[in-house]
Amino acid sequence: MLHDNLITLFATWRRQAQRHRSRRRLQELDRHLLDDIGIDRRTALHEARKPFWKP
């Protein structure tokens, strides 16, 4: 039981940490890279400003 809870907690932490890193990197992309992934600067900044716990 405790083991399962720790695994779930660790998985949640990893997912949120990855989301935080991804959003931080999204702010740093230049216009050409944003064009490549199909979003504009405004959308990228909106996504980057979301808290890490929000999907």
C-alpha atoms as a PDB file:
ATOM      1  CA  MET A   1       0.000   0.000   0.000  1.00  0.00           C
ATOM      2  CA  LEU A   2       2.676   2.511   1.032  1.00  0.00           C
ATOM      3  CA  HIS A   3       4.844   1.359  -1.851  1.00  0.00           C
ATOM      4  CA  ASP A   4       2.019   1.984  -4.343  1.00  0.00           C
ATOM      5  CA  ASN A   5       1.368   5.427  -2.894  1.00  0.00           C
ATOM      6  CA  LEU A   6       5.037   6.345  -3.168  1.00  0.00           C
ATOM      7  CA  ILE A   7       5.145   5.190  -6.777  1.00  0.00           C
ATOM      8  CA  THR A   8       2.064   7.272  -7.570  1.00  0.00           C
ATOM      9  CA  LEU A   9       3.506  10.293  -5.777  1.00  0.00           C
ATOM     10  CA  PHE A  10       6.821   9.973  -7.617  1.00  0.00           C
ATOM     11  CA  ALA A  11       5.063   9.592 -10.991  1.00  0.00           C
ATOM     12  CA  THR A  12       2.987  12.696 -10.305  1.00  0.00           C
ATOM     13  CA  TRP A  13       6.060  14.671  -9.316  1.00  0.00           C
ATOM     14  CA  ARG A  14       7.927  13.593 -12.468  1.00  0.00           C
ATOM     15  CA  ARG A  15       4.997  14.535 -14.706  1.00  0.00           C
ATOM     16  CA  GLN A  16       4.706  17.975 -13.121  1.00  0.00           C
ATOM     17  CA  ALA A  17       8.468  18.571 -13.281  1.00  0.00           C
ATOM     18  CA  GLN A  18       8.484  17.638 -16.972  1.00  0.00           C
ATOM     19  CA  ARG A  19       5.536  19.952 -17.626  1.00  0.00           C
ATOM     20  CA  HIS A  20       7.396  22.792 -15.873  1.00  0.00           C
ATOM     21  CA  ARG A  21      10.560  22.237 -17.932  1.00  0.00           C
ATOM     22  CA  SER A  22       8.610  22.016 -21.188  1.00  0.00           C
ATOM     23  CA  ARG A  23       6.723  25.219 -20.526  1.00  0.00           C
ATOM     24  CA  ARG A  24       9.879  27.070 -19.542  1.00  0.00           C
ATOM     25  CA  ARG A  25      11.579  25.952 -22.763  1.00  0.00           C
ATOM     26  CA  LEU A  26       8.545  26.935 -24.818  1.00  0.00           C
ATOM     27  CA  GLN A  27       9.106  30.589 -23.840  1.00  0.00           C
ATOM     28  CA  GLU A  28      12.623  30.424 -25.240  1.00  0.00           C
ATOM     29  CA  LEU A  29      11.757  29.197 -28.736  1.00  0.00           C
ATOM     30  CA  ASP A  30      12.213  31.614 -31.596  1.00  0.00           C
ATOM     31  CA  ARG A  31       9.542  32.361 -34.211  1.00  0.00           C
ATOM     32  CA  HIS A  32      10.879  29.791 -36.675  1.00  0.00           C
ATOM     33  CA  LEU A  33      10.720  26.956 -34.162  1.00  0.00           C
ATOM     34  CA  LEU A  34       7.260  28.016 -33.043  1.00  0.00           C
ATOM     35  CA  ASP A  35       6.175  27.978 -36.691  1.00  0.00           C
ATOM     36  CA  ASP A  36       7.575  24.449 -36.975  1.00  0.00           C
ATOM     37  CA  ILE A  37       5.384  23.206 -34.139  1.00  0.00           C
ATOM     38  CA  GLY A  38       2.391  25.201 -35.366  1.00  0.00           C
ATOM     39  CA  ILE A  39       1.856  27.810 -32.658  1.00  0.00           C
ATOM     40  CA  ASP A  40       2.344  31.549 -32.460  1.00  0.00           C
ATOM     41  CA  ARG A  41       4.223  33.552 -29.809  1.00  0.00           C
ATOM     42  CA  ARG A  42       1.029  34.561 -28.007  1.00  0.00           C
ATOM     43  CA  THR A  43      -0.123  30.950 -27.654  1.00  0.00           C
ATOM     44  CA  ALA A  44       3.340  29.852 -26.533  1.00  0.00           C
ATOM     45  CA  LEU A  45       3.480  32.523 -23.837  1.00  0.00           C
ATOM     46  CA  HIS A  46      -0.047  31.704 -22.691  1.00  0.00           C
ATOM     47  CA  GLU A  47       0.915  28.039 -22.315  1.00  0.00           C
ATOM     48  CA  ALA A  48       4.229  28.894 -20.647  1.00  0.00           C
ATOM     49  CA  ARG A  49       2.490  30.987 -17.995  1.00  0.00           C
ATOM     50  CA  LYS A  50       0.263  28.136 -16.824  1.00  0.00           C
ATOM     51  CA  PRO A  51       1.140  26.689 -13.426  1.00  0.00           C
ATOM     52  CA  PHE A  52       2.925  23.340 -13.606  1.00  0.00           C
ATOM     53  CA  TRP A  53       0.044  21.519 -11.947  1.00  0.00           C
ATOM     54  CA  LYS A  54      -2.432  22.441 -14.703  1.00  0.00           C
ATOM     55  CA  PRO A  55      -2.468  20.195 -17.760  1.00  0.00           C
END
